[in-house]
Amino acid sequence: MTTETDTTSTAARSADTNREKRPFFWEREHRADLPDGADLAALRRGVGREPGSVPQMWQYYTTLQADGHLTTRLRAEHAALTLFAIHQQSLPRSAHALGSGLGTAVKELRASGKFSPDAVDRRFGTAATATSLSEASYHLRGLVRQLRQIQRPLDYTALFWDLVNWQSPARLGQVRRRWAAQYFLNRDSETAASASASRR
């Protein structure tokens, strides 16, 4: 008898095998180092839709299962693809940058002076305390639109794994603590240094 856990483990192993052959869309080499606008438009069609339900997106997934099983990784990849497509729109460089965690990127957004720090705090807090992946994705869309305005990239591979773990109550707390550490550690001193430099 195959349990739900066994099925999930098998699906995860299958996804790992597939991932070894094919990088995520945001990791791939693109002409002129930027994704094609038509590709991004296809990905944006998936906003608010069930993963795997939009035919235009099928070619961009790396985690689709042969049996059609809706896995946590497919949900996370779908969310990350749509967020990346929103973020990348009209940007002159890639919206994906390794090592740039969400909390770090939003900390720079807060310090940019383009938006009210209190408003950024509220938006980030609302995203971080979302109780479902769909709710978190909704609030993250607002944040990546703002990051696009300051041309600040984000590590979408790290975000993908955060969104995978978001769906596990046992691991969600760790994701939230990591985002909090990235956002709050050294924030005030960095903001003060940035303000001092701008006055020179």
C-alpha atoms as a PDB file:
ATOM      1  CA  MET A   1       0.000   0.000   0.000  1.00  0.00           C
ATOM      2  CA  THR A   2       1.341   3.429  -0.951  1.00  0.00           C
ATOM      3  CA  THR A   3       0.832   6.133   1.635  1.00  0.00           C
ATOM      4  CA  GLU A   4       0.488   9.837   0.930  1.00  0.00           C
ATOM      5  CA  THR A   5       4.013  10.313   2.286  1.00  0.00           C
ATOM      6  CA  ASP A   6       5.360   7.619  -0.038  1.00  0.00           C
ATOM      7  CA  THR A   7       3.644   9.253  -3.010  1.00  0.00           C
ATOM      8  CA  THR A   8       5.044  12.652  -2.092  1.00  0.00           C
ATOM      9  CA  SER A   9       8.549  11.223  -1.665  1.00  0.00           C
ATOM     10  CA  THR A  10       8.362   9.501  -5.041  1.00  0.00           C
ATOM     11  CA  ALA A  11       7.129  12.718  -6.668  1.00  0.00           C
ATOM     12  CA  ALA A  12       9.921  14.680  -4.996  1.00  0.00           C
ATOM     13  CA  ARG A  13      12.549  12.198  -6.230  1.00  0.00           C
ATOM     14  CA  SER A  14      11.095  12.425  -9.722  1.00  0.00           C
ATOM     15  CA  ALA A  15      11.192  16.238  -9.562  1.00  0.00           C
ATOM     16  CA  ASP A  16      14.826  16.126  -8.428  1.00  0.00           C
ATOM     17  CA  THR A  17      15.739  13.894 -11.372  1.00  0.00           C
ATOM     18  CA  ASN A  18      13.966  16.252 -13.756  1.00  0.00           C
ATOM     19  CA  ARG A  19      15.653  19.300 -12.173  1.00  0.00           C
ATOM     20  CA  GLU A  20      19.105  17.804 -12.806  1.00  0.00           C
ATOM     21  CA  LYS A  21      18.324  17.910 -16.524  1.00  0.00           C
ATOM     22  CA  ARG A  22      16.612  21.271 -16.723  1.00  0.00           C
ATOM     23  CA  PRO A  23      17.201  24.504 -14.778  1.00  0.00           C
ATOM     24  CA  PHE A  24      14.383  26.703 -13.607  1.00  0.00           C
ATOM     25  CA  PHE A  25      13.208  29.249 -16.166  1.00  0.00           C
ATOM     26  CA  TRP A  26      14.790  32.151 -14.272  1.00  0.00           C
ATOM     27  CA  GLU A  27      18.149  30.294 -14.170  1.00  0.00           C
ATOM     28  CA  ARG A  28      18.324  29.662 -17.928  1.00  0.00           C
ATOM     29  CA  GLU A  29      20.419  31.548 -20.434  1.00  0.00           C
ATOM     30  CA  HIS A  30      18.316  33.972 -22.428  1.00  0.00           C
ATOM     31  CA  ARG A  31      19.049  35.972 -25.526  1.00  0.00           C
ATOM     32  CA  ALA A  32      20.661  39.280 -24.494  1.00  0.00           C
ATOM     33  CA  ASP A  33      20.558  37.888 -20.923  1.00  0.00           C
ATOM     34  CA  LEU A  34      16.862  38.769 -20.631  1.00  0.00           C
ATOM     35  CA  PRO A  35      13.776  36.554 -21.040  1.00  0.00           C
ATOM     36  CA  ASP A  36      11.607  37.159 -24.083  1.00  0.00           C
ATOM     37  CA  GLY A  37       8.561  39.350 -23.500  1.00  0.00           C
ATOM     38  CA  ALA A  38       6.277  36.675 -24.947  1.00  0.00           C
ATOM     39  CA  ASP A  39       7.592  34.147 -22.406  1.00  0.00           C
ATOM     40  CA  LEU A  40       6.931  36.561 -19.549  1.00  0.00           C
ATOM     41  CA  ALA A  41       3.429  37.303 -20.845  1.00  0.00           C
ATOM     42  CA  ALA A  42       2.702  33.568 -20.942  1.00  0.00           C
ATOM     43  CA  LEU A  43       3.867  33.201 -17.345  1.00  0.00           C
ATOM     44  CA  ARG A  44       1.765  36.133 -16.165  1.00  0.00           C
ATOM     45  CA  ARG A  45      -1.308  34.286 -17.432  1.00  0.00           C
ATOM     46  CA  GLY A  46      -0.857  31.983 -14.460  1.00  0.00           C
ATOM     47  CA  VAL A  47      -1.375  34.683 -11.829  1.00  0.00           C
ATOM     48  CA  GLY A  48      -4.103  33.532  -9.458  1.00  0.00           C
ATOM     49  CA  ARG A  49      -4.626  30.287 -11.398  1.00  0.00           C
ATOM     50  CA  GLU A  50      -4.173  26.674 -10.309  1.00  0.00           C
ATOM     51  CA  PRO A  51      -0.694  25.299 -11.069  1.00  0.00           C
ATOM     52  CA  GLY A  52      -0.662  23.332 -14.311  1.00  0.00           C
ATOM     53  CA  SER A  53      -4.019  24.690 -15.478  1.00  0.00           C
ATOM     54  CA  VAL A  54      -2.637  27.246 -17.957  1.00  0.00           C
ATOM     55  CA  PRO A  55      -1.406  25.572 -21.173  1.00  0.00           C
ATOM     56  CA  GLN A  56       0.806  28.544 -22.067  1.00  0.00           C
ATOM     57  CA  MET A  57       2.885  27.809 -18.931  1.00  0.00           C
ATOM     58  CA  TRP A  58       3.431  24.080 -19.409  1.00  0.00           C
ATOM     59  CA  GLN A  59       6.737  24.394 -21.258  1.00  0.00           C
ATOM     60  CA  TYR A  60       8.267  26.470 -18.456  1.00  0.00           C
ATOM     61  CA  TYR A  61       7.721  24.029 -15.574  1.00  0.00           C
ATOM     62  CA  THR A  62      10.448  21.681 -14.360  1.00  0.00           C
ATOM     63  CA  THR A  63       8.339  19.973 -11.679  1.00  0.00           C
ATOM     64  CA  LEU A  64       5.356  18.624 -13.661  1.00  0.00           C
ATOM     65  CA  GLN A  65       4.634  14.985 -12.801  1.00  0.00           C
ATOM     66  CA  ALA A  66       3.782  12.347 -15.417  1.00  0.00           C
ATOM     67  CA  ASP A  67       0.768  11.274 -13.343  1.00  0.00           C
ATOM     68  CA  GLY A  68      -0.526  14.856 -13.053  1.00  0.00           C
ATOM     69  CA  HIS A  69       0.004  14.901  -9.290  1.00  0.00           C
ATOM     70  CA  LEU A  70      -0.155  18.438  -7.841  1.00  0.00           C
ATOM     71  CA  THR A  71       2.955  18.534  -5.661  1.00  0.00           C
ATOM     72  CA  THR A  72       4.222  21.154  -3.226  1.00  0.00           C
ATOM     73  CA  ARG A  73       7.101  21.798  -5.635  1.00  0.00           C
ATOM     74  CA  LEU A  74       4.770  22.425  -8.567  1.00  0.00           C
ATOM     75  CA  ARG A  75       2.745  24.863  -6.456  1.00  0.00           C
ATOM     76  CA  ALA A  76       5.938  26.644  -5.414  1.00  0.00           C
ATOM     77  CA  GLU A  77       7.362  26.736  -8.932  1.00  0.00           C
ATOM     78  CA  HIS A  78       4.092  28.100 -10.323  1.00  0.00           C
ATOM     79  CA  ALA A  79       4.094  30.886  -7.730  1.00  0.00           C
ATOM     80  CA  ALA A  80       7.773  31.693  -8.337  1.00  0.00           C
ATOM     81  CA  LEU A  81       7.317  31.741 -12.128  1.00  0.00           C
ATOM     82  CA  THR A  82       4.434  34.196 -11.954  1.00  0.00           C
ATOM     83  CA  LEU A  83       6.273  36.405  -9.448  1.00  0.00           C
ATOM     84  CA  PHE A  84       9.400  36.387 -11.610  1.00  0.00           C
ATOM     85  CA  ALA A  85       7.377  37.329 -14.699  1.00  0.00           C
ATOM     86  CA  ILE A  86       5.823  40.284 -12.881  1.00  0.00           C
ATOM     87  CA  HIS A  87       9.190  41.354 -11.456  1.00  0.00           C
ATOM     88  CA  GLN A  88      11.089  41.011 -14.747  1.00  0.00           C
ATOM     89  CA  GLN A  89       8.606  43.002 -16.849  1.00  0.00           C
ATOM     90  CA  SER A  90      10.432  45.976 -18.441  1.00  0.00           C
ATOM     91  CA  LEU A  91      13.539  45.518 -16.263  1.00  0.00           C
ATOM     92  CA  PRO A  92      16.828  46.150 -18.140  1.00  0.00           C
ATOM     93  CA  ARG A  93      18.596  43.314 -16.246  1.00  0.00           C
ATOM     94  CA  SER A  94      17.631  39.970 -14.790  1.00  0.00           C
ATOM     95  CA  ALA A  95      15.235  40.007 -11.832  1.00  0.00           C
ATOM     96  CA  HIS A  96      16.999  36.877 -10.543  1.00  0.00           C
ATOM     97  CA  ALA A  97      20.232  37.231  -8.553  1.00  0.00           C
ATOM     98  CA  LEU A  98      21.755  34.395  -6.541  1.00  0.00           C
ATOM     99  CA  GLY A  99      22.215  35.122  -2.858  1.00  0.00           C
ATOM    100  CA  SER A 100      19.692  37.936  -2.677  1.00  0.00           C
ATOM    101  CA  GLY A 101      17.140  36.730  -0.132  1.00  0.00           C
ATOM    102  CA  LEU A 102      13.664  38.204   0.042  1.00  0.00           C
ATOM    103  CA  GLY A 103      14.220  39.932   3.385  1.00  0.00           C
ATOM    104  CA  THR A 104      17.466  41.502   2.157  1.00  0.00           C
ATOM    105  CA  ALA A 105      15.836  42.778  -1.029  1.00  0.00           C
ATOM    106  CA  VAL A 106      12.861  44.242   0.842  1.00  0.00           C
ATOM    107  CA  LYS A 107      15.235  45.876   3.354  1.00  0.00           C
ATOM    108  CA  GLU A 108      16.810  47.728   0.424  1.00  0.00           C
ATOM    109  CA  LEU A 109      13.332  48.627  -0.811  1.00  0.00           C
ATOM    110  CA  ARG A 110      12.603  50.147   2.591  1.00  0.00           C
ATOM    111  CA  ALA A 111      15.849  52.140   2.534  1.00  0.00           C
ATOM    112  CA  SER A 112      15.355  53.339  -1.053  1.00  0.00           C
ATOM    113  CA  GLY A 113      13.192  56.312  -0.027  1.00  0.00           C
ATOM    114  CA  LYS A 114      10.768  55.523  -2.831  1.00  0.00           C
ATOM    115  CA  PHE A 115       8.119  54.147  -0.479  1.00  0.00           C
ATOM    116  CA  SER A 116       7.097  54.841   3.089  1.00  0.00           C
ATOM    117  CA  PRO A 117       9.161  52.620   5.445  1.00  0.00           C
ATOM    118  CA  ASP A 118       6.037  51.951   7.513  1.00  0.00           C
ATOM    119  CA  ALA A 119       4.137  50.865   4.406  1.00  0.00           C
ATOM    120  CA  VAL A 120       6.973  48.515   3.403  1.00  0.00           C
ATOM    121  CA  ASP A 121       7.052  47.114   6.957  1.00  0.00           C
ATOM    122  CA  ARG A 122       3.309  46.433   6.807  1.00  0.00           C
ATOM    123  CA  ARG A 123       3.414  44.835   3.364  1.00  0.00           C
ATOM    124  CA  PHE A 124       6.357  42.619   4.259  1.00  0.00           C
ATOM    125  CA  GLY A 125       4.767  41.645   7.573  1.00  0.00           C
ATOM    126  CA  THR A 126       1.508  40.768   5.852  1.00  0.00           C
ATOM    127  CA  ALA A 127       3.322  38.547   3.333  1.00  0.00           C
ATOM    128  CA  ALA A 128       5.387  36.870   6.047  1.00  0.00           C
ATOM    129  CA  THR A 129       2.365  36.059   8.204  1.00  0.00           C
ATOM    130  CA  ALA A 130       0.189  34.710   5.389  1.00  0.00           C
ATOM    131  CA  THR A 131      -1.324  31.376   6.321  1.00  0.00           C
ATOM    132  CA  SER A 132      -1.493  29.853   2.834  1.00  0.00           C
ATOM    133  CA  LEU A 133       0.696  29.819  -0.255  1.00  0.00           C
ATOM    134  CA  SER A 134      -1.960  31.575  -2.335  1.00  0.00           C
ATOM    135  CA  GLU A 135      -2.244  34.356   0.260  1.00  0.00           C
ATOM    136  CA  ALA A 136       1.542  34.701   0.495  1.00  0.00           C
ATOM    137  CA  SER A 137       1.793  34.841  -3.317  1.00  0.00           C
ATOM    138  CA  TYR A 138      -0.823  37.580  -3.461  1.00  0.00           C
ATOM    139  CA  HIS A 139       1.117  39.801  -1.049  1.00  0.00           C
ATOM    140  CA  LEU A 140       4.474  38.961  -2.631  1.00  0.00           C
ATOM    141  CA  ARG A 141       3.153  40.222  -5.962  1.00  0.00           C
ATOM    142  CA  GLY A 142       2.826  43.689  -4.433  1.00  0.00           C
ATOM    143  CA  LEU A 143       6.383  43.525  -3.110  1.00  0.00           C
ATOM    144  CA  VAL A 144       7.970  42.387  -6.380  1.00  0.00           C
ATOM    145  CA  ARG A 145       6.171  45.185  -8.245  1.00  0.00           C
ATOM    146  CA  GLN A 146       7.834  47.627  -5.863  1.00  0.00           C
ATOM    147  CA  LEU A 147      11.208  45.894  -6.195  1.00  0.00           C
ATOM    148  CA  ARG A 148      10.858  46.265  -9.956  1.00  0.00           C
ATOM    149  CA  GLN A 149      10.476  50.022  -9.515  1.00  0.00           C
ATOM    150  CA  ILE A 150      13.880  50.260  -7.830  1.00  0.00           C
ATOM    151  CA  GLN A 151      15.365  47.617 -10.184  1.00  0.00           C
ATOM    152  CA  ARG A 152      16.255  45.370  -7.245  1.00  0.00           C
ATOM    153  CA  PRO A 153      16.684  41.660  -8.142  1.00  0.00           C
ATOM    154  CA  LEU A 154      15.823  38.681  -5.981  1.00  0.00           C
ATOM    155  CA  ASP A 155      17.080  35.088  -5.648  1.00  0.00           C
ATOM    156  CA  TYR A 156      14.171  33.194  -7.187  1.00  0.00           C
ATOM    157  CA  THR A 157      15.727  29.796  -6.582  1.00  0.00           C
ATOM    158  CA  ALA A 158      15.894  30.550  -2.860  1.00  0.00           C
ATOM    159  CA  LEU A 159      12.350  31.903  -3.019  1.00  0.00           C
ATOM    160  CA  PHE A 160      11.194  28.688  -4.711  1.00  0.00           C
ATOM    161  CA  TRP A 161      12.532  26.617  -1.810  1.00  0.00           C
ATOM    162  CA  ASP A 162      11.006  29.036   0.692  1.00  0.00           C
ATOM    163  CA  LEU A 163       7.640  28.554  -1.006  1.00  0.00           C
ATOM    164  CA  VAL A 164       8.068  24.777  -0.965  1.00  0.00           C
ATOM    165  CA  ASN A 165       8.717  24.946   2.775  1.00  0.00           C
ATOM    166  CA  TRP A 166       5.868  27.425   3.234  1.00  0.00           C
ATOM    167  CA  GLN A 167       3.508  24.520   2.644  1.00  0.00           C
ATOM    168  CA  SER A 168       4.953  22.518   5.547  1.00  0.00           C
ATOM    169  CA  PRO A 169       3.832  23.647   9.022  1.00  0.00           C
ATOM    170  CA  ALA A 170       7.018  22.118  10.458  1.00  0.00           C
ATOM    171  CA  ARG A 171       9.260  24.281   8.226  1.00  0.00           C
ATOM    172  CA  LEU A 172       7.224  27.466   7.838  1.00  0.00           C
ATOM    173  CA  GLY A 173       8.577  28.982  11.049  1.00  0.00           C
ATOM    174  CA  GLN A 174      12.152  28.623   9.795  1.00  0.00           C
ATOM    175  CA  VAL A 175      11.298  30.462   6.564  1.00  0.00           C
ATOM    176  CA  ARG A 176       9.702  33.299   8.518  1.00  0.00           C
ATOM    177  CA  ARG A 177      12.678  33.548  10.886  1.00  0.00           C
ATOM    178  CA  ARG A 178      15.123  33.658   7.964  1.00  0.00           C
ATOM    179  CA  TRP A 179      13.136  36.432   6.258  1.00  0.00           C
ATOM    180  CA  ALA A 180      12.988  38.327   9.562  1.00  0.00           C
ATOM    181  CA  ALA A 181      16.747  38.004  10.090  1.00  0.00           C
ATOM    182  CA  GLN A 182      17.468  39.224   6.552  1.00  0.00           C
ATOM    183  CA  TYR A 183      15.088  42.157   6.986  1.00  0.00           C
ATOM    184  CA  PHE A 184      15.972  43.343  10.478  1.00  0.00           C
ATOM    185  CA  LEU A 185      19.640  42.489  11.079  1.00  0.00           C
ATOM    186  CA  ASN A 186      21.777  45.652  10.724  1.00  0.00           C
ATOM    187  CA  ARG A 187      18.831  47.423   9.111  1.00  0.00           C
ATOM    188  CA  ASP A 188      18.932  50.628  11.141  1.00  0.00           C
ATOM    189  CA  SER A 189      22.708  51.037  10.871  1.00  0.00           C
ATOM    190  CA  GLU A 190      22.611  50.399   7.114  1.00  0.00           C
ATOM    191  CA  THR A 191      19.752  52.865   6.682  1.00  0.00           C
ATOM    192  CA  ALA A 192      21.643  55.510   8.658  1.00  0.00           C
ATOM    193  CA  ALA A 193      24.791  54.932   6.584  1.00  0.00           C
ATOM    194  CA  SER A 194      22.797  55.225   3.370  1.00  0.00           C
ATOM    195  CA  ALA A 195      21.171  58.448   4.534  1.00  0.00           C
ATOM    196  CA  SER A 196      24.546  59.878   5.561  1.00  0.00           C
ATOM    197  CA  ALA A 197      26.069  59.024   2.181  1.00  0.00           C
ATOM    198  CA  SER A 198      23.182  60.687   0.338  1.00  0.00           C
ATOM    199  CA  ARG A 199      23.762  63.938   2.262  1.00  0.00           C
ATOM    200  CA  ARG A 200      27.413  64.166   1.191  1.00  0.00           C
END
